[in-house]
Amino acid sequence: MYALGPNAHDTVSRALRSYYAFDGDEYVEYGIGIAHTESDHIASAVSDVKNVGCHELIFMGNDGDPDQVDLLADAVGL
C-alpha cells in the first residue's frame, strides 16, 4: 500500500478507512501505519526485500492519480 506526494498520508487514510472499515479501527490504523507514504520508505522496503533474495515486489497504490506511477518509479530509482 502506498501513495506519494504532498497529500499521501491523507489519501492512504481515506482509502484504507473506506476499504477496510469492516475490519474495525484497530486494523485500519495498523494499515495506515505501515503504508508507504514517503519515497525513502519505499526505497528502504525495496532494499530490504532485495537483501533477502526477493526479485519481485508489488506495490498496491492507494491514489488513483496516474502520476503515482512516476513518483513510485522515481522512489525506486527507475
PDB file of N, CA and C in Angstrom:
ATOM      1  N   MET A   1       0.841  -1.162   0.000  1.00  0.00           N
ATOM      2  CA  MET A   1       0.000   0.000   0.000  1.00  0.00           C
ATOM      3  C   MET A   1       0.892   1.233   0.000  1.00  0.00           C
ATOM      4  N   TYR A   2       0.604   2.115  -0.899  1.00  0.00           N
ATOM      5  CA  TYR A   2       1.414   3.334  -0.950  1.00  0.00           C
ATOM      6  C   TYR A   2       0.646   4.467  -1.616  1.00  0.00           C
ATOM      7  N   ALA A   3       1.102   5.645  -1.328  1.00  0.00           N
ATOM      8  CA  ALA A   3       0.739   6.870  -2.036  1.00  0.00           C
ATOM      9  C   ALA A   3       1.887   7.833  -1.772  1.00  0.00           C
ATOM     10  N   LEU A   4       2.205   8.638  -2.752  1.00  0.00           N
ATOM     11  CA  LEU A   4       3.299   9.600  -2.607  1.00  0.00           C
ATOM     12  C   LEU A   4       2.799  10.997  -2.946  1.00  0.00           C
ATOM     13  N   GLY A   5       3.533  11.985  -2.497  1.00  0.00           N
ATOM     14  CA  GLY A   5       3.170  13.363  -2.779  1.00  0.00           C
ATOM     15  C   GLY A   5       2.703  14.084  -1.529  1.00  0.00           C
ATOM     16  N   PRO A   6       2.315  15.344  -1.695  1.00  0.00           N
ATOM     17  CA  PRO A   6       2.013  16.195  -0.541  1.00  0.00           C
ATOM     18  C   PRO A   6       0.817  15.733   0.296  1.00  0.00           C
ATOM     19  N   ASN A   7      -0.130  15.022  -0.290  1.00  0.00           N
ATOM     20  CA  ASN A   7      -1.316  14.577   0.446  1.00  0.00           C
ATOM     21  C   ASN A   7      -1.346  13.067   0.642  1.00  0.00           C
ATOM     22  N   ALA A   8      -0.186  12.434   0.577  1.00  0.00           N
ATOM     23  CA  ALA A   8      -0.113  10.973   0.601  1.00  0.00           C
ATOM     24  C   ALA A   8      -0.757  10.362   1.838  1.00  0.00           C
ATOM     25  N   HIS A   9      -0.429  10.873   3.011  1.00  0.00           N
ATOM     26  CA  HIS A   9      -0.969  10.268   4.232  1.00  0.00           C
ATOM     27  C   HIS A   9      -2.490  10.380   4.274  1.00  0.00           C
ATOM     28  N   ASP A  10      -3.025  11.529   3.910  1.00  0.00           N
ATOM     29  CA  ASP A  10      -4.481  11.705   3.895  1.00  0.00           C
ATOM     30  C   ASP A  10      -5.140  10.792   2.863  1.00  0.00           C
ATOM     31  N   THR A  11      -4.502  10.653   1.711  1.00  0.00           N
ATOM     32  CA  THR A  11      -5.042   9.800   0.657  1.00  0.00           C
ATOM     33  C   THR A  11      -5.089   8.351   1.104  1.00  0.00           C
ATOM     34  N   VAL A  12      -3.990   7.868   1.683  1.00  0.00           N
ATOM     35  CA  VAL A  12      -3.945   6.493   2.179  1.00  0.00           C
ATOM     36  C   VAL A  12      -4.977   6.304   3.286  1.00  0.00           C
ATOM     37  N   SER A  13      -5.065   7.253   4.180  1.00  0.00           N
ATOM     38  CA  SER A  13      -6.024   7.153   5.286  1.00  0.00           C
ATOM     39  C   SER A  13      -7.456   7.016   4.769  1.00  0.00           C
ATOM     40  N   ARG A  14      -7.832   7.853   3.822  1.00  0.00           N
ATOM     41  CA  ARG A  14      -9.190   7.783   3.261  1.00  0.00           C
ATOM     42  C   ARG A  14      -9.433   6.444   2.578  1.00  0.00           C
ATOM     43  N   ALA A  15      -8.477   6.017   1.775  1.00  0.00           N
ATOM     44  CA  ALA A  15      -8.645   4.765   1.030  1.00  0.00           C
ATOM     45  C   ALA A  15      -8.768   3.570   1.967  1.00  0.00           C
ATOM     46  N   LEU A  16      -7.901   3.497   2.959  1.00  0.00           N
ATOM     47  CA  LEU A  16      -7.921   2.340   3.851  1.00  0.00           C
ATOM     48  C   LEU A  16      -9.109   2.367   4.800  1.00  0.00           C
ATOM     49  N   ARG A  17      -9.492   3.540   5.256  1.00  0.00           N
ATOM     50  CA  ARG A  17     -10.676   3.624   6.138  1.00  0.00           C
ATOM     51  C   ARG A  17     -11.928   3.138   5.400  1.00  0.00           C
ATOM     52  N   SER A  18     -12.023   3.475   4.145  1.00  0.00           N
ATOM     53  CA  SER A  18     -13.170   3.050   3.353  1.00  0.00           C
ATOM     54  C   SER A  18     -13.101   1.551   3.042  1.00  0.00           C
ATOM     55  N   TYR A  19     -11.968   1.093   2.562  1.00  0.00           N
ATOM     56  CA  TYR A  19     -11.830  -0.287   2.096  1.00  0.00           C
ATOM     57  C   TYR A  19     -11.882  -1.301   3.233  1.00  0.00           C
ATOM     58  N   TYR A  20     -11.243  -0.985   4.359  1.00  0.00           N
ATOM     59  CA  TYR A  20     -11.146  -1.939   5.464  1.00  0.00           C
ATOM     60  C   TYR A  20     -12.069  -1.614   6.635  1.00  0.00           C
ATOM     61  N   ALA A  21     -13.081  -0.812   6.437  1.00  0.00           N
ATOM     62  CA  ALA A  21     -13.979  -0.413   7.525  1.00  0.00           C
ATOM     63  C   ALA A  21     -14.585  -1.616   8.245  1.00  0.00           C
ATOM     64  N   PHE A  22     -14.858  -2.684   7.516  1.00  0.00           N
ATOM     65  CA  PHE A  22     -15.474  -3.871   8.115  1.00  0.00           C
ATOM     66  C   PHE A  22     -14.556  -4.579   9.111  1.00  0.00           C
ATOM     67  N   ASP A  23     -13.248  -4.323   9.036  1.00  0.00           N
ATOM     68  CA  ASP A  23     -12.289  -4.976   9.928  1.00  0.00           C
ATOM     69  C   ASP A  23     -12.098  -4.241  11.249  1.00  0.00           C
ATOM     70  N   GLY A  24     -12.633  -3.061  11.370  1.00  0.00           N
ATOM     71  CA  GLY A  24     -12.526  -2.315  12.617  1.00  0.00           C
ATOM     72  C   GLY A  24     -11.373  -1.337  12.627  1.00  0.00           C
ATOM     73  N   ASP A  25     -11.456  -0.410  13.565  1.00  0.00           N
ATOM     74  CA  ASP A  25     -10.494   0.687  13.652  1.00  0.00           C
ATOM     75  C   ASP A  25      -9.064   0.227  13.898  1.00  0.00           C
ATOM     76  N   GLU A  26      -8.875  -0.798  14.719  1.00  0.00           N
ATOM     77  CA  GLU A  26      -7.515  -1.243  15.041  1.00  0.00           C
ATOM     78  C   GLU A  26      -6.781  -1.702  13.783  1.00  0.00           C
ATOM     79  N   TYR A  27      -7.447  -2.495  12.957  1.00  0.00           N
ATOM     80  CA  TYR A  27      -6.826  -2.979  11.729  1.00  0.00           C
ATOM     81  C   TYR A  27      -6.580  -1.828  10.757  1.00  0.00           C
ATOM     82  N   VAL A  28      -7.549  -0.934  10.646  1.00  0.00           N
ATOM     83  CA  VAL A  28      -7.405   0.219   9.747  1.00  0.00           C
ATOM     84  C   VAL A  28      -6.210   1.069  10.163  1.00  0.00           C
ATOM     85  N   GLU A  29      -6.093   1.362  11.440  1.00  0.00           N
ATOM     86  CA  GLU A  29      -4.972   2.173  11.927  1.00  0.00           C
ATOM     87  C   GLU A  29      -3.639   1.467  11.694  1.00  0.00           C
ATOM     88  N   TYR A  30      -3.623   0.152  11.862  1.00  0.00           N
ATOM     89  CA  TYR A  30      -2.405  -0.616  11.583  1.00  0.00           C
ATOM     90  C   TYR A  30      -2.021  -0.458  10.107  1.00  0.00           C
ATOM     91  N   GLY A  31      -2.990  -0.624   9.222  1.00  0.00           N
ATOM     92  CA  GLY A  31      -2.724  -0.493   7.790  1.00  0.00           C
ATOM     93  C   GLY A  31      -2.213   0.882   7.413  1.00  0.00           C
ATOM     94  N   ILE A  32      -2.810   1.903   7.991  1.00  0.00           N
ATOM     95  CA  ILE A  32      -2.359   3.269   7.728  1.00  0.00           C
ATOM     96  C   ILE A  32      -0.928   3.446   8.222  1.00  0.00           C
ATOM     97  N   GLY A  33      -0.629   2.860   9.358  1.00  0.00           N
ATOM     98  CA  GLY A  33       0.706   2.985   9.938  1.00  0.00           C
ATOM     99  C   GLY A  33       1.804   2.323   9.128  1.00  0.00           C
ATOM    100  N   ILE A  34       1.465   1.246   8.408  1.00  0.00           N
ATOM    101  CA  ILE A  34       2.503   0.545   7.641  1.00  0.00           C
ATOM    102  C   ILE A  34       2.526   0.939   6.165  1.00  0.00           C
ATOM    103  N   ALA A  35       1.550   1.722   5.731  1.00  0.00           N
ATOM    104  CA  ALA A  35       1.523   2.159   4.331  1.00  0.00           C
ATOM    105  C   ALA A  35       2.723   3.063   4.047  1.00  0.00           C
ATOM    106  N   HIS A  36       3.253   2.946   2.864  1.00  0.00           N
ATOM    107  CA  HIS A  36       4.410   3.749   2.460  1.00  0.00           C
ATOM    108  C   HIS A  36       3.928   5.076   1.878  1.00  0.00           C
ATOM    109  N   THR A  37       4.300   6.170   2.542  1.00  0.00           N
ATOM    110  CA  THR A  37       3.879   7.496   2.081  1.00  0.00           C
ATOM    111  C   THR A  37       5.063   8.440   1.879  1.00  0.00           C
ATOM    112  N   GLU A  38       6.262   7.894   1.954  1.00  0.00           N
ATOM    113  CA  GLU A  38       7.488   8.676   1.744  1.00  0.00           C
ATOM    114  C   GLU A  38       8.395   7.899   0.790  1.00  0.00           C
ATOM    115  N   SER A  39       9.042   8.600  -0.123  1.00  0.00           N
ATOM    116  CA  SER A  39       9.927   7.954  -1.097  1.00  0.00           C
ATOM    117  C   SER A  39      11.028   7.139  -0.437  1.00  0.00           C
ATOM    118  N   ASP A  40      11.608   7.667   0.644  1.00  0.00           N
ATOM    119  CA  ASP A  40      12.700   6.936   1.285  1.00  0.00           C
ATOM    120  C   ASP A  40      12.209   5.651   1.938  1.00  0.00           C
ATOM    121  N   HIS A  41      10.960   5.598   2.383  1.00  0.00           N
ATOM    122  CA  HIS A  41      10.407   4.364   2.950  1.00  0.00           C
ATOM    123  C   HIS A  41      10.259   3.306   1.861  1.00  0.00           C
ATOM    124  N   ILE A  42       9.856   3.736   0.683  1.00  0.00           N
ATOM    125  CA  ILE A  42       9.718   2.805  -0.432  1.00  0.00           C
ATOM    126  C   ILE A  42      11.083   2.280  -0.846  1.00  0.00           C
ATOM    127  N   ALA A  43      12.054   3.158  -0.969  1.00  0.00           N
ATOM    128  CA  ALA A  43      13.411   2.734  -1.334  1.00  0.00           C
ATOM    129  C   ALA A  43      13.960   1.753  -0.307  1.00  0.00           C
ATOM    130  N   SER A  44      13.703   1.992   0.956  1.00  0.00           N
ATOM    131  CA  SER A  44      14.159   1.106   2.023  1.00  0.00           C
ATOM    132  C   SER A  44      13.475  -0.259   1.934  1.00  0.00           C
ATOM    133  N   ALA A  45      12.184  -0.272   1.669  1.00  0.00           N
ATOM    134  CA  ALA A  45      11.450  -1.534   1.542  1.00  0.00           C
ATOM    135  C   ALA A  45      11.993  -2.358   0.383  1.00  0.00           C
ATOM    136  N   VAL A  46      12.257  -1.712  -0.737  1.00  0.00           N
ATOM    137  CA  VAL A  46      12.815  -2.406  -1.897  1.00  0.00           C
ATOM    138  C   VAL A  46      14.184  -2.981  -1.555  1.00  0.00           C
ATOM    139  N   SER A  47      15.006  -2.211  -0.901  1.00  0.00           N
ATOM    140  CA  SER A  47      16.331  -2.675  -0.495  1.00  0.00           C
ATOM    141  C   SER A  47      16.230  -3.864   0.458  1.00  0.00           C
ATOM    142  N   ASP A  48      15.325  -3.786   1.419  1.00  0.00           N
ATOM    143  CA  ASP A  48      15.162  -4.866   2.397  1.00  0.00           C
ATOM    144  C   ASP A  48      14.772  -6.181   1.738  1.00  0.00           C
ATOM    145  N   VAL A  49      13.803  -6.147   0.837  1.00  0.00           N
ATOM    146  CA  VAL A  49      13.378  -7.397   0.204  1.00  0.00           C
ATOM    147  C   VAL A  49      14.427  -7.909  -0.777  1.00  0.00           C
ATOM    148  N   LYS A  50      15.152  -7.003  -1.389  1.00  0.00           N
ATOM    149  CA  LYS A  50      16.236  -7.407  -2.281  1.00  0.00           C
ATOM    150  C   LYS A  50      17.331  -8.134  -1.498  1.00  0.00           C
ATOM    151  N   ASN A  51      17.613  -7.643  -0.298  1.00  0.00           N
ATOM    152  CA  ASN A  51      18.660  -8.238   0.538  1.00  0.00           C
ATOM    153  C   ASN A  51      18.331  -9.647   1.005  1.00  0.00           C
ATOM    154  N   VAL A  52      17.066 -10.022   1.020  1.00  0.00           N
ATOM    155  CA  VAL A  52      16.699 -11.382   1.420  1.00  0.00           C
ATOM    156  C   VAL A  52      16.408 -12.266   0.209  1.00  0.00           C
ATOM    157  N   GLY A  53      16.724 -11.773  -0.986  1.00  0.00           N
ATOM    158  CA  GLY A  53      16.632 -12.584  -2.189  1.00  0.00           C
ATOM    159  C   GLY A  53      15.346 -12.456  -2.986  1.00  0.00           C
ATOM    160  N   CYS A  54      14.504 -11.534  -2.640  1.00  0.00           N
ATOM    161  CA  CYS A  54      13.260 -11.329  -3.384  1.00  0.00           C
ATOM    162  C   CYS A  54      13.572 -10.557  -4.667  1.00  0.00           C
ATOM    163  N   HIS A  55      13.029 -11.039  -5.773  1.00  0.00           N
ATOM    164  CA  HIS A  55      13.286 -10.394  -7.057  1.00  0.00           C
ATOM    165  C   HIS A  55      12.070  -9.657  -7.610  1.00  0.00           C
ATOM    166  N   GLU A  56      10.929  -9.813  -6.943  1.00  0.00           N
ATOM    167  CA  GLU A  56       9.718  -9.131  -7.381  1.00  0.00           C
ATOM    168  C   GLU A  56       8.994  -8.567  -6.173  1.00  0.00           C
ATOM    169  N   LEU A  57       8.420  -7.405  -6.334  1.00  0.00           N
ATOM    170  CA  LEU A  57       7.693  -6.747  -5.258  1.00  0.00           C
ATOM    171  C   LEU A  57       6.526  -5.994  -5.883  1.00  0.00           C
ATOM    172  N   ILE A  58       5.361  -6.140  -5.297  1.00  0.00           N
ATOM    173  CA  ILE A  58       4.168  -5.474  -5.812  1.00  0.00           C
ATOM    174  C   ILE A  58       3.751  -4.382  -4.839  1.00  0.00           C
ATOM    175  N   PHE A  59       3.617  -3.175  -5.329  1.00  0.00           N
ATOM    176  CA  PHE A  59       3.105  -2.065  -4.531  1.00  0.00           C
ATOM    177  C   PHE A  59       1.661  -1.813  -4.947  1.00  0.00           C
ATOM    178  N   MET A  60       0.779  -1.829  -3.977  1.00  0.00           N
ATOM    179  CA  MET A  60      -0.636  -1.569  -4.216  1.00  0.00           C
ATOM    180  C   MET A  60      -0.891  -0.081  -4.000  1.00  0.00           C
ATOM    181  N   GLY A  61      -1.176   0.621  -5.060  1.00  0.00           N
ATOM    182  CA  GLY A  61      -1.396   2.058  -4.978  1.00  0.00           C
ATOM    183  C   GLY A  61      -2.733   2.410  -4.347  1.00  0.00           C
ATOM    184  N   ASN A  62      -2.741   3.441  -3.539  1.00  0.00           N
ATOM    185  CA  ASN A  62      -3.963   3.910  -2.889  1.00  0.00           C
ATOM    186  C   ASN A  62      -4.377   5.293  -3.367  1.00  0.00           C
ATOM    187  N   ASP A  63      -3.817   5.729  -4.473  1.00  0.00           N
ATOM    188  CA  ASP A  63      -4.158   7.025  -5.049  1.00  0.00           C
ATOM    189  C   ASP A  63      -4.364   6.794  -6.540  1.00  0.00           C
ATOM    190  N   GLY A  64      -5.519   7.169  -7.047  1.00  0.00           N
ATOM    191  CA  GLY A  64      -5.837   6.933  -8.446  1.00  0.00           C
ATOM    192  C   GLY A  64      -5.140   7.843  -9.441  1.00  0.00           C
ATOM    193  N   ASP A  65      -4.355   8.784  -8.970  1.00  0.00           N
ATOM    194  CA  ASP A  65      -3.651   9.717  -9.853  1.00  0.00           C
ATOM    195  C   ASP A  65      -2.573   8.968 -10.637  1.00  0.00           C
ATOM    196  N   PRO A  66      -2.626   9.003 -11.974  1.00  0.00           N
ATOM    197  CA  PRO A  66      -1.619   8.312 -12.779  1.00  0.00           C
ATOM    198  C   PRO A  66      -0.180   8.762 -12.492  1.00  0.00           C
ATOM    199  N   ASP A  67       0.000   9.972 -11.978  1.00  0.00           N
ATOM    200  CA  ASP A  67       1.347  10.448 -11.640  1.00  0.00           C
ATOM    201  C   ASP A  67       1.993   9.608 -10.546  1.00  0.00           C
ATOM    202  N   GLN A  68       1.196   8.829  -9.824  1.00  0.00           N
ATOM    203  CA  GLN A  68       1.743   7.970  -8.777  1.00  0.00           C
ATOM    204  C   GLN A  68       2.736   6.960  -9.356  1.00  0.00           C
ATOM    205  N   VAL A  69       2.509   6.535 -10.586  1.00  0.00           N
ATOM    206  CA  VAL A  69       3.431   5.592 -11.226  1.00  0.00           C
ATOM    207  C   VAL A  69       4.807   6.225 -11.375  1.00  0.00           C
ATOM    208  N   ASP A  70       4.855   7.463 -11.825  1.00  0.00           N
ATOM    209  CA  ASP A  70       6.134   8.163 -11.975  1.00  0.00           C
ATOM    210  C   ASP A  70       6.787   8.423 -10.622  1.00  0.00           C
ATOM    211  N   LEU A  71       5.991   8.780  -9.628  1.00  0.00           N
ATOM    212  CA  LEU A  71       6.544   9.012  -8.289  1.00  0.00           C
ATOM    213  C   LEU A  71       7.139   7.727  -7.722  1.00  0.00           C
ATOM    214  N   LEU A  72       6.461   6.604  -7.949  1.00  0.00           N
ATOM    215  CA  LEU A  72       6.987   5.319  -7.484  1.00  0.00           C
ATOM    216  C   LEU A  72       8.268   4.963  -8.228  1.00  0.00           C
ATOM    217  N   ALA A  73       8.283   5.161  -9.534  1.00  0.00           N
ATOM    218  CA  ALA A  73       9.489   4.881 -10.322  1.00  0.00           C
ATOM    219  C   ALA A  73      10.663   5.722  -9.832  1.00  0.00           C
ATOM    220  N   ASP A  74      10.431   6.979  -9.541  1.00  0.00           N
ATOM    221  CA  ASP A  74      11.487   7.843  -9.004  1.00  0.00           C
ATOM    222  C   ASP A  74      11.966   7.337  -7.649  1.00  0.00           C
ATOM    223  N   ALA A  75      11.035   6.885  -6.814  1.00  0.00           N
ATOM    224  CA  ALA A  75      11.388   6.420  -5.468  1.00  0.00           C
ATOM    225  C   ALA A  75      12.286   5.190  -5.508  1.00  0.00           C
ATOM    226  N   VAL A  76      12.082   4.332  -6.516  1.00  0.00           N
ATOM    227  CA  VAL A  76      12.899   3.116  -6.602  1.00  0.00           C
ATOM    228  C   VAL A  76      14.087   3.281  -7.550  1.00  0.00           C
ATOM    229  N   GLY A  77      14.243   4.467  -8.091  1.00  0.00           N
ATOM    230  CA  GLY A  77      15.417   4.752  -8.912  1.00  0.00           C
ATOM    231  C   GLY A  77      15.319   4.314 -10.354  1.00  0.00           C
ATOM    232  N   LEU A  78      14.120   4.278 -10.900  1.00  0.00           N
ATOM    233  CA  LEU A  78      13.965   3.905 -12.318  1.00  0.00           C
ATOM    234  C   LEU A  78      13.822   5.132 -13.188  1.00  0.00           C
TER     235      LEU A  78
END
